[in-house]
Amino acid sequence: MYSLFLIFCWLIAIVYATVPAYWLLVHPFVDFWRARAATLKRVGPLWVLLWGLAGIGTWRWLHVFLYRTWLAWIPGGLLIAAALALYSGARHGFSMDQVLGRSELEPHKHEQRLASAGLRGRMRHPLYLAHLCDLLGLTIGTGSLALFVLTAFALPSGALMIWLEERELERRFGDDYRAYKQRVPLFPGLR
């Protein structure tokens, strides 16, 4: 039974760990994708490909544990609960089209607006923090080397993604985004 639960956690971790890599395949090359009339249906399979690569790359370590204790699920569960709260707060004023990147791929069809209300009035990237909390919660809870490897991949690629997205948002929204950056920290407590 635990083996199935572990596989479930690993599959979720694969999805979260590959978010930055997928973003890095799409956003910096958005002009390339737009020129090919690429929609989410065309670029979305790239993310599925990344899931496969991450799965192939980490499967052999899934049942290798750095530790194995149910007590690890206490901090892991708290991180997952924090992620759920962040997801709930991050939905305010932010459409699913924005989450999925349709606004970038098809700006003529989907509204491009700066979301700065609700939780985004206290931190700039609540969804990314929620993804990180989920990934860390699963990693800490399972103790599986595979999840630690996925987290080790997600941290630097996620930092690069945020750095590039900050630049992209400044180009897109100009002074409005620069003023928003002055007012709102990247993450709570980080100015």
Protein backbone atom coordinates (compact mmCIF):
# COMPACT_ATOMS: atom_id res chain seq x y z
CA MET A 1 0.00 0.00 0.00
CA TYR A 2 2.81 2.44 0.88
CA SER A 3 4.44 1.71 -2.47
CA LEU A 4 1.33 2.96 -4.31
CA PHE A 5 1.21 6.05 -2.09
CA LEU A 6 4.90 6.67 -2.79
CA ILE A 7 4.31 6.40 -6.55
CA PHE A 8 1.42 8.87 -6.23
CA CYS A 9 3.66 11.33 -4.35
CA TRP A 10 6.42 10.86 -6.93
CA LEU A 11 4.03 11.55 -9.83
CA ILE A 12 2.81 14.76 -8.19
CA ALA A 13 6.41 15.77 -7.50
CA ILE A 14 7.26 15.23 -11.17
CA VAL A 15 4.53 17.66 -12.19
CA TYR A 16 5.65 20.35 -9.73
CA ALA A 17 9.36 19.87 -10.37
CA THR A 18 8.94 20.34 -14.12
CA VAL A 19 6.88 23.54 -13.95
CA PRO A 20 10.01 25.73 -14.19
CA ALA A 21 11.51 23.69 -17.04
CA TYR A 22 8.26 23.93 -18.99
CA TRP A 23 8.07 27.67 -18.33
CA LEU A 24 11.68 28.00 -19.57
CA LEU A 25 10.77 26.16 -22.80
CA VAL A 26 7.81 28.43 -23.52
CA HIS A 27 8.18 31.95 -22.11
CA PRO A 28 11.66 32.96 -23.31
CA PHE A 29 10.70 31.72 -26.77
CA VAL A 30 7.15 33.06 -26.86
CA ASP A 31 7.80 34.94 -30.12
CA PHE A 32 8.93 31.66 -31.70
CA TRP A 33 5.75 29.92 -30.51
CA ARG A 34 3.50 32.81 -31.57
CA ALA A 35 5.06 32.87 -35.06
CA ARG A 36 4.01 29.23 -35.42
CA ALA A 37 0.50 29.99 -34.17
CA ALA A 38 1.21 27.70 -31.24
CA THR A 39 -1.59 27.33 -28.74
CA LEU A 40 -1.56 25.62 -25.40
CA LYS A 41 -2.68 22.45 -27.20
CA ARG A 42 0.53 22.56 -29.25
CA VAL A 43 3.05 23.43 -26.55
CA GLY A 44 1.36 21.61 -23.67
CA PRO A 45 2.70 18.22 -24.82
CA LEU A 46 6.21 19.56 -24.11
CA TRP A 47 5.31 19.50 -20.43
CA VAL A 48 4.11 15.90 -20.72
CA LEU A 49 7.45 15.07 -22.38
CA LEU A 50 9.24 16.67 -19.42
CA TRP A 51 7.18 14.52 -17.05
CA GLY A 52 8.35 11.44 -18.92
CA LEU A 53 11.98 12.52 -18.83
CA ALA A 54 11.78 13.34 -15.12
CA GLY A 55 10.13 9.99 -14.46
CA ILE A 56 12.72 8.05 -16.43
CA GLY A 57 15.50 10.00 -14.74
CA THR A 58 14.32 9.41 -11.18
CA TRP A 59 12.47 6.09 -11.20
CA ARG A 60 15.51 4.06 -10.11
CA TRP A 61 15.76 6.13 -6.91
CA LEU A 62 12.10 6.04 -5.95
CA HIS A 63 12.57 3.25 -3.40
CA VAL A 64 15.92 4.54 -2.14
CA PHE A 65 15.25 6.39 1.10
CA LEU A 66 17.44 8.90 2.87
CA TYR A 67 15.24 8.22 5.91
CA ARG A 68 11.90 6.56 6.48
CA THR A 69 9.70 7.65 9.36
CA TRP A 70 6.08 8.68 9.64
CA LEU A 71 7.23 11.65 11.76
CA ALA A 72 8.54 13.26 8.56
CA TRP A 73 4.94 13.69 7.47
CA ILE A 74 4.38 16.24 10.24
CA PRO A 75 6.51 18.98 8.62
CA GLY A 76 5.68 17.55 5.19
CA GLY A 77 1.96 17.77 5.91
CA LEU A 78 2.29 21.30 7.25
CA LEU A 79 4.03 22.36 4.03
CA ILE A 80 1.31 20.72 1.93
CA ALA A 81 -1.38 22.46 4.03
CA ALA A 82 0.44 25.78 3.51
CA ALA A 83 0.47 25.08 -0.23
CA LEU A 84 -3.28 24.46 -0.26
CA ALA A 85 -3.87 27.75 1.57
CA LEU A 86 -1.61 29.57 -0.90
CA TYR A 87 -3.42 28.03 -3.88
CA SER A 88 -6.74 29.13 -2.45
CA GLY A 89 -5.53 32.70 -1.93
CA ALA A 90 -3.72 32.88 -5.28
CA ARG A 91 -6.89 32.24 -7.28
CA HIS A 92 -8.28 35.67 -6.44
CA GLY A 93 -8.05 37.94 -9.50
CA PHE A 94 -5.99 35.46 -11.51
CA SER A 95 -7.64 33.55 -14.33
CA MET A 96 -6.94 29.99 -15.42
CA ASP A 97 -5.82 31.44 -18.77
CA GLN A 98 -3.11 33.36 -16.90
CA VAL A 99 -2.09 30.27 -14.93
CA LEU A 100 -1.78 28.20 -18.11
CA GLY A 101 0.03 30.91 -20.09
CA ARG A 102 -2.64 31.44 -22.72
CA SER A 103 -2.25 35.21 -22.26
CA GLU A 104 1.35 34.94 -23.46
CA LEU A 105 0.77 32.55 -26.35
CA GLU A 106 -2.39 34.20 -27.66
CA PRO A 107 -2.43 37.79 -26.37
CA HIS A 108 -5.02 38.80 -28.98
CA LYS A 109 -7.50 36.28 -27.52
CA HIS A 110 -6.73 36.45 -23.80
CA GLU A 111 -6.53 39.47 -21.52
CA GLN A 112 -3.11 40.58 -20.35
CA ARG A 113 -3.43 42.34 -17.03
CA LEU A 114 -1.32 42.74 -13.96
CA ALA A 115 -2.91 40.86 -11.05
CA SER A 116 -1.99 42.61 -7.82
CA ALA A 117 -4.98 42.15 -5.52
CA GLY A 118 -5.58 39.66 -2.75
CA LEU A 119 -2.59 37.48 -1.91
CA ARG A 120 -0.68 39.04 -4.82
CA GLY A 121 -0.86 42.30 -2.87
CA ARG A 122 1.40 40.68 -0.23
CA MET A 123 3.71 38.56 -2.41
CA ARG A 124 4.53 38.49 -6.11
CA HIS A 125 4.46 34.80 -6.99
CA PRO A 126 2.14 32.90 -4.63
CA LEU A 127 1.58 30.01 -7.05
CA TYR A 128 5.30 29.33 -7.30
CA LEU A 129 5.62 29.35 -3.52
CA ALA A 130 2.66 26.96 -3.32
CA HIS A 131 4.33 24.63 -5.85
CA LEU A 132 7.54 24.74 -3.82
CA CYS A 133 5.71 24.04 -0.54
CA ASP A 134 3.94 21.05 -2.13
CA LEU A 135 7.17 19.70 -3.58
CA LEU A 136 9.08 20.18 -0.31
CA GLY A 137 6.23 18.65 1.68
CA LEU A 138 6.19 15.52 -0.46
CA THR A 139 9.98 15.31 -0.45
CA ILE A 140 10.31 15.67 3.31
CA GLY A 141 7.38 13.35 3.95
CA THR A 142 8.57 10.48 1.77
CA GLY A 143 12.33 10.74 2.33
CA SER A 144 12.71 9.26 -1.17
CA LEU A 145 15.93 10.07 -3.02
CA ALA A 146 13.91 10.45 -6.24
CA LEU A 147 11.94 13.33 -4.75
CA PHE A 148 15.09 14.93 -3.38
CA VAL A 149 16.58 14.79 -6.90
CA LEU A 150 13.41 16.36 -8.35
CA THR A 151 13.56 19.11 -5.73
CA ALA A 152 17.25 19.69 -6.42
CA PHE A 153 16.34 20.16 -10.10
CA ALA A 154 13.34 22.40 -9.37
CA LEU A 155 15.13 24.86 -7.07
CA PRO A 156 17.69 26.33 -9.50
CA SER A 157 15.36 26.08 -12.51
CA GLY A 158 12.62 27.74 -10.43
CA ALA A 159 14.96 30.56 -9.37
CA LEU A 160 15.91 31.14 -13.02
CA MET A 161 12.24 31.06 -14.03
CA ILE A 162 11.31 33.70 -11.46
CA TRP A 163 14.24 35.92 -12.42
CA LEU A 164 13.28 35.74 -16.11
CA GLU A 165 9.60 36.21 -15.38
CA GLU A 166 10.33 39.33 -13.37
CA ARG A 167 12.14 40.77 -16.42
CA GLU A 168 9.32 39.69 -18.74
CA LEU A 169 6.65 41.30 -16.55
CA GLU A 170 8.63 44.54 -16.41
CA ARG A 171 8.77 44.60 -20.22
CA ARG A 172 5.07 43.80 -20.54
CA PHE A 173 3.67 46.09 -17.83
CA GLY A 174 6.43 48.72 -17.55
CA ASP A 175 6.15 51.27 -14.75
CA ASP A 176 3.08 49.55 -13.30
CA TYR A 177 5.11 46.41 -12.63
CA ARG A 178 8.10 48.34 -11.34
CA ALA A 179 5.83 50.15 -8.86
CA TYR A 180 4.28 46.81 -7.89
CA LYS A 181 7.77 45.36 -7.26
CA GLN A 182 8.59 48.30 -4.99
CA ARG A 183 5.38 47.79 -3.02
CA VAL A 184 5.20 43.99 -2.84
CA PRO A 185 8.03 41.59 -1.89
CA LEU A 186 8.89 38.51 -3.93
CA PHE A 187 7.96 36.33 -0.97
CA PRO A 188 6.70 37.46 2.45
CA GLY A 189 9.55 38.85 4.51
CA LEU A 190 11.94 39.15 1.52
CA ARG A 191 12.45 42.70 0.27
